[in-house]
Amino acid sequence: MQEKKRYVLVRFRCETALSREDASKAVSQAVLEGIGALGAAKAKAYLKEYDEDDGSGVVKCQTEMLQEVRASLALKNSYLGKPLAIRTEKTSGAIGKVWKKKPA
């Protein structure tokens, strides 16, 4: 049976711009701290897309753990000793509805 997934558009608010690697680590850390190791394994949440210019990205996770993932992201308030806020803006079952690719 295919697992259902959701895509969550997020915005990172930080004093300095985050690299893709730092944003990905912040998401993983937030989920692990928020719902623990077992919850993080069930959620399978990770940063799928990221735009360093405006600090937005897309987090992919399992539908059954969506609320827990959103809460975990909202509760994250620092990364590497610096203030950080992760705001969820939109959720969809299709990545194209939350993430518009920018022309190269």
N, C-alpha and C. Protein backbone atom coordinates (compact mmCIF):
# COMPACT_ATOMS: atom_id res chain seq x y z
N MET A 1 0.83 -1.19 0.00
CA MET A 1 0.00 0.00 0.00
C MET A 1 0.88 1.25 0.00
N GLN A 2 0.54 2.20 -0.83
CA GLN A 2 1.32 3.43 -0.95
C GLN A 2 1.05 4.35 0.24
N GLU A 3 2.13 4.89 0.79
CA GLU A 3 1.99 5.82 1.91
C GLU A 3 1.60 7.20 1.38
N LYS A 4 0.70 7.86 2.10
CA LYS A 4 0.26 9.19 1.69
C LYS A 4 1.20 10.24 2.29
N LYS A 5 1.48 11.26 1.50
CA LYS A 5 2.40 12.28 1.95
C LYS A 5 1.78 13.66 1.79
N ARG A 6 2.35 14.61 2.49
CA ARG A 6 1.91 15.99 2.41
C ARG A 6 3.15 16.87 2.26
N TYR A 7 2.96 17.97 1.56
CA TYR A 7 4.01 18.95 1.37
C TYR A 7 3.61 20.21 2.12
N VAL A 8 4.52 20.73 2.94
CA VAL A 8 4.24 21.90 3.76
C VAL A 8 5.19 23.03 3.36
N LEU A 9 4.61 24.16 2.93
CA LEU A 9 5.42 25.33 2.61
C LEU A 9 5.80 26.01 3.92
N VAL A 10 7.10 26.23 4.12
CA VAL A 10 7.59 26.85 5.36
C VAL A 10 8.45 28.05 5.03
N ARG A 11 8.51 28.98 5.98
CA ARG A 11 9.41 30.14 5.88
C ARG A 11 10.30 30.14 7.11
N PHE A 12 11.57 30.31 6.87
CA PHE A 12 12.56 30.38 7.95
C PHE A 12 12.84 31.85 8.24
N ARG A 13 12.70 32.24 9.49
CA ARG A 13 13.01 33.60 9.91
C ARG A 13 14.21 33.51 10.84
N CYS A 14 15.32 34.11 10.40
CA CYS A 14 16.57 34.03 11.16
C CYS A 14 17.34 35.32 10.96
N GLU A 15 18.26 35.62 11.89
CA GLU A 15 19.06 36.83 11.80
C GLU A 15 19.92 36.83 10.54
N THR A 16 20.47 35.68 10.21
CA THR A 16 21.29 35.55 9.01
C THR A 16 20.65 34.50 8.10
N ALA A 17 20.92 34.60 6.81
CA ALA A 17 20.35 33.64 5.86
C ALA A 17 20.88 32.24 6.15
N LEU A 18 20.00 31.26 6.06
CA LEU A 18 20.39 29.87 6.28
C LEU A 18 20.77 29.22 4.95
N SER A 19 21.80 28.41 4.99
CA SER A 19 22.13 27.60 3.81
C SER A 19 21.14 26.45 3.73
N ARG A 20 21.11 25.78 2.60
CA ARG A 20 20.21 24.63 2.46
C ARG A 20 20.53 23.57 3.50
N GLU A 21 21.79 23.33 3.73
CA GLU A 21 22.22 22.32 4.70
C GLU A 21 21.76 22.68 6.11
N ASP A 22 21.92 23.94 6.50
CA ASP A 22 21.47 24.37 7.82
C ASP A 22 19.96 24.30 7.96
N ALA A 23 19.24 24.68 6.92
CA ALA A 23 17.78 24.61 6.96
C ALA A 23 17.32 23.17 7.10
N SER A 24 17.96 22.26 6.38
CA SER A 24 17.62 20.85 6.46
C SER A 24 17.88 20.29 7.85
N LYS A 25 19.02 20.66 8.42
CA LYS A 25 19.35 20.21 9.78
C LYS A 25 18.38 20.78 10.80
N ALA A 26 17.97 22.04 10.62
CA ALA A 26 17.03 22.66 11.55
C ALA A 26 15.68 21.95 11.51
N VAL A 27 15.22 21.56 10.33
CA VAL A 27 13.96 20.81 10.20
C VAL A 27 14.09 19.45 10.90
N SER A 28 15.15 18.74 10.62
CA SER A 28 15.35 17.42 11.23
C SER A 28 15.42 17.53 12.75
N GLN A 29 16.16 18.53 13.23
CA GLN A 29 16.31 18.74 14.66
C GLN A 29 14.97 19.09 15.31
N ALA A 30 14.19 19.94 14.65
CA ALA A 30 12.89 20.36 15.18
C ALA A 30 11.95 19.16 15.32
N VAL A 31 11.91 18.32 14.30
CA VAL A 31 11.02 17.15 14.33
C VAL A 31 11.48 16.17 15.40
N LEU A 32 12.78 15.94 15.48
CA LEU A 32 13.31 15.00 16.48
C LEU A 32 13.04 15.49 17.90
N GLU A 33 13.25 16.78 18.14
CA GLU A 33 13.00 17.35 19.47
C GLU A 33 11.51 17.37 19.78
N GLY A 34 10.69 17.63 18.78
CA GLY A 34 9.26 17.80 19.00
C GLY A 34 8.50 16.50 19.21
N ILE A 35 8.81 15.46 18.42
CA ILE A 35 8.03 14.22 18.52
C ILE A 35 8.86 12.99 18.80
N GLY A 36 10.15 13.19 19.05
CA GLY A 36 11.00 12.08 19.44
C GLY A 36 11.45 11.22 18.26
N ALA A 37 12.30 10.26 18.56
CA ALA A 37 12.89 9.41 17.53
C ALA A 37 11.84 8.54 16.83
N LEU A 38 10.95 7.94 17.59
CA LEU A 38 9.93 7.08 16.99
C LEU A 38 8.97 7.90 16.12
N GLY A 39 8.54 9.05 16.62
CA GLY A 39 7.66 9.93 15.85
C GLY A 39 8.34 10.44 14.58
N ALA A 40 9.61 10.79 14.69
CA ALA A 40 10.36 11.28 13.53
C ALA A 40 10.48 10.18 12.48
N ALA A 41 10.67 8.95 12.92
CA ALA A 41 10.76 7.83 11.97
C ALA A 41 9.42 7.61 11.27
N LYS A 42 8.32 7.74 11.99
CA LYS A 42 6.99 7.60 11.39
C LYS A 42 6.67 8.74 10.44
N ALA A 43 7.10 9.95 10.80
CA ALA A 43 6.77 11.14 10.02
C ALA A 43 7.55 11.19 8.70
N LYS A 44 8.76 10.69 8.70
CA LYS A 44 9.63 10.73 7.50
C LYS A 44 9.71 12.14 6.93
N ALA A 45 9.85 13.13 7.82
CA ALA A 45 9.87 14.52 7.39
C ALA A 45 11.28 14.94 6.98
N TYR A 46 11.36 15.65 5.86
CA TYR A 46 12.63 16.21 5.42
C TYR A 46 12.38 17.41 4.52
N LEU A 47 13.41 18.24 4.39
CA LEU A 47 13.33 19.42 3.54
C LEU A 47 13.55 19.00 2.10
N LYS A 48 12.53 19.13 1.28
CA LYS A 48 12.61 18.68 -0.12
C LYS A 48 13.10 19.79 -1.04
N GLU A 49 12.63 21.01 -0.84
CA GLU A 49 13.02 22.16 -1.66
C GLU A 49 13.40 23.31 -0.73
N TYR A 50 14.31 24.17 -1.20
CA TYR A 50 14.69 25.33 -0.39
C TYR A 50 15.20 26.45 -1.28
N ASP A 51 14.79 27.66 -0.98
CA ASP A 51 15.24 28.85 -1.69
C ASP A 51 15.96 29.76 -0.69
N GLU A 52 17.26 29.88 -0.83
CA GLU A 52 18.06 30.68 0.11
C GLU A 52 17.74 32.17 0.01
N ASP A 53 17.29 32.63 -1.15
CA ASP A 53 17.02 34.05 -1.35
C ASP A 53 15.92 34.58 -0.43
N ASP A 54 14.81 33.85 -0.33
CA ASP A 54 13.72 34.33 0.52
C ASP A 54 13.47 33.47 1.75
N GLY A 55 14.29 32.45 1.97
CA GLY A 55 14.17 31.65 3.18
C GLY A 55 12.93 30.77 3.22
N SER A 56 12.44 30.37 2.05
CA SER A 56 11.26 29.50 2.02
C SER A 56 11.68 28.10 1.57
N GLY A 57 10.86 27.13 1.94
CA GLY A 57 11.15 25.76 1.55
C GLY A 57 9.92 24.89 1.65
N VAL A 58 10.08 23.64 1.25
CA VAL A 58 8.99 22.67 1.31
C VAL A 58 9.47 21.47 2.13
N VAL A 59 8.68 21.12 3.14
CA VAL A 59 8.95 19.95 3.96
C VAL A 59 7.97 18.87 3.55
N LYS A 60 8.49 17.69 3.28
CA LYS A 60 7.64 16.54 2.92
C LYS A 60 7.50 15.66 4.15
N CYS A 61 6.28 15.18 4.41
CA CYS A 61 6.06 14.29 5.55
C CYS A 61 4.87 13.37 5.28
N GLN A 62 4.67 12.40 6.14
CA GLN A 62 3.54 11.48 6.04
C GLN A 62 2.27 12.17 6.54
N THR A 63 1.16 11.91 5.86
CA THR A 63 -0.12 12.53 6.19
C THR A 63 -0.53 12.30 7.64
N GLU A 64 -0.36 11.08 8.12
CA GLU A 64 -0.81 10.75 9.48
C GLU A 64 -0.04 11.51 10.57
N MET A 65 1.12 12.06 10.24
CA MET A 65 1.93 12.78 11.21
C MET A 65 1.99 14.29 10.92
N LEU A 66 1.14 14.76 10.02
CA LEU A 66 1.19 16.16 9.59
C LEU A 66 1.07 17.14 10.76
N GLN A 67 0.08 16.98 11.60
CA GLN A 67 -0.13 17.92 12.70
C GLN A 67 1.05 17.94 13.67
N GLU A 68 1.62 16.77 13.94
CA GLU A 68 2.77 16.69 14.84
C GLU A 68 3.99 17.40 14.24
N VAL A 69 4.19 17.21 12.93
CA VAL A 69 5.31 17.85 12.25
C VAL A 69 5.14 19.37 12.25
N ARG A 70 3.95 19.84 11.93
CA ARG A 70 3.69 21.29 11.93
C ARG A 70 3.92 21.88 13.33
N ALA A 71 3.47 21.19 14.35
CA ALA A 71 3.66 21.68 15.72
C ALA A 71 5.15 21.70 16.08
N SER A 72 5.87 20.67 15.69
CA SER A 72 7.31 20.60 15.98
C SER A 72 8.06 21.75 15.31
N LEU A 73 7.71 22.04 14.07
CA LEU A 73 8.36 23.13 13.36
C LEU A 73 8.05 24.48 14.02
N ALA A 74 6.81 24.66 14.43
CA ALA A 74 6.40 25.91 15.07
C ALA A 74 7.09 26.13 16.41
N LEU A 75 7.42 25.05 17.11
CA LEU A 75 8.03 25.16 18.43
C LEU A 75 9.54 25.40 18.38
N LYS A 76 10.14 25.22 17.24
CA LYS A 76 11.59 25.43 17.11
C LYS A 76 11.88 26.91 17.24
N ASN A 77 12.73 27.30 18.21
CA ASN A 77 12.98 28.72 18.42
C ASN A 77 14.45 29.13 18.34
N SER A 78 15.35 28.15 18.12
CA SER A 78 16.75 28.52 17.93
C SER A 78 17.48 27.41 17.19
N TYR A 79 18.55 27.82 16.52
CA TYR A 79 19.41 26.86 15.81
C TYR A 79 20.83 27.39 15.88
N LEU A 80 21.75 26.57 16.32
CA LEU A 80 23.15 26.94 16.51
C LEU A 80 23.29 28.19 17.39
N GLY A 81 22.45 28.28 18.41
CA GLY A 81 22.52 29.38 19.35
C GLY A 81 21.94 30.69 18.87
N LYS A 82 21.33 30.70 17.68
CA LYS A 82 20.74 31.92 17.14
C LYS A 82 19.22 31.76 17.09
N PRO A 83 18.49 32.86 17.30
CA PRO A 83 17.02 32.78 17.22
C PRO A 83 16.57 32.34 15.83
N LEU A 84 15.57 31.47 15.80
CA LEU A 84 15.03 30.96 14.54
C LEU A 84 13.54 30.72 14.71
N ALA A 85 12.78 31.06 13.70
CA ALA A 85 11.36 30.75 13.67
C ALA A 85 11.06 30.05 12.35
N ILE A 86 10.30 28.96 12.43
CA ILE A 86 9.87 28.25 11.22
C ILE A 86 8.35 28.36 11.17
N ARG A 87 7.85 29.03 10.17
CA ARG A 87 6.41 29.25 10.03
C ARG A 87 5.86 28.40 8.90
N THR A 88 4.79 27.68 9.17
CA THR A 88 4.13 26.90 8.11
C THR A 88 3.08 27.79 7.47
N GLU A 89 3.05 27.81 6.14
CA GLU A 89 2.15 28.70 5.43
C GLU A 89 1.06 27.99 4.65
N LYS A 90 1.38 26.85 4.07
CA LYS A 90 0.43 26.17 3.20
C LYS A 90 0.73 24.68 3.20
N THR A 91 -0.30 23.85 3.04
CA THR A 91 -0.14 22.41 3.00
C THR A 91 -0.93 21.85 1.83
N SER A 92 -0.34 20.85 1.14
CA SER A 92 -1.02 20.23 0.02
C SER A 92 -0.49 18.82 -0.20
N GLY A 93 -1.25 18.04 -0.95
CA GLY A 93 -0.83 16.70 -1.32
C GLY A 93 0.00 16.69 -2.59
N ALA A 94 0.11 17.84 -3.25
CA ALA A 94 0.89 17.96 -4.49
C ALA A 94 1.90 19.08 -4.33
N ILE A 95 3.15 18.80 -4.62
CA ILE A 95 4.21 19.79 -4.42
C ILE A 95 4.00 21.02 -5.30
N GLY A 96 3.44 20.85 -6.49
CA GLY A 96 3.22 21.96 -7.40
C GLY A 96 2.26 23.01 -6.88
N LYS A 97 1.43 22.64 -5.94
CA LYS A 97 0.46 23.60 -5.38
C LYS A 97 1.07 24.47 -4.30
N VAL A 98 2.19 24.04 -3.71
CA VAL A 98 2.83 24.86 -2.68
C VAL A 98 4.15 25.46 -3.13
N TRP A 99 4.76 24.89 -4.15
CA TRP A 99 6.09 25.35 -4.57
C TRP A 99 6.09 25.65 -6.06
N LYS A 100 6.34 26.89 -6.37
CA LYS A 100 6.45 27.32 -7.78
C LYS A 100 7.92 27.45 -8.12
N LYS A 101 8.36 26.70 -9.14
CA LYS A 101 9.76 26.79 -9.54
C LYS A 101 10.02 28.14 -10.16
N LYS A 102 11.17 28.70 -9.81
CA LYS A 102 11.55 30.00 -10.36
C LYS A 102 12.32 29.79 -11.66
N PRO A 103 12.10 30.66 -12.63
CA PRO A 103 12.83 30.51 -13.90
C PRO A 103 14.32 30.69 -13.69
N ALA A 104 15.12 29.92 -14.40
CA ALA A 104 16.58 29.97 -14.24
C ALA A 104 17.18 31.18 -14.90
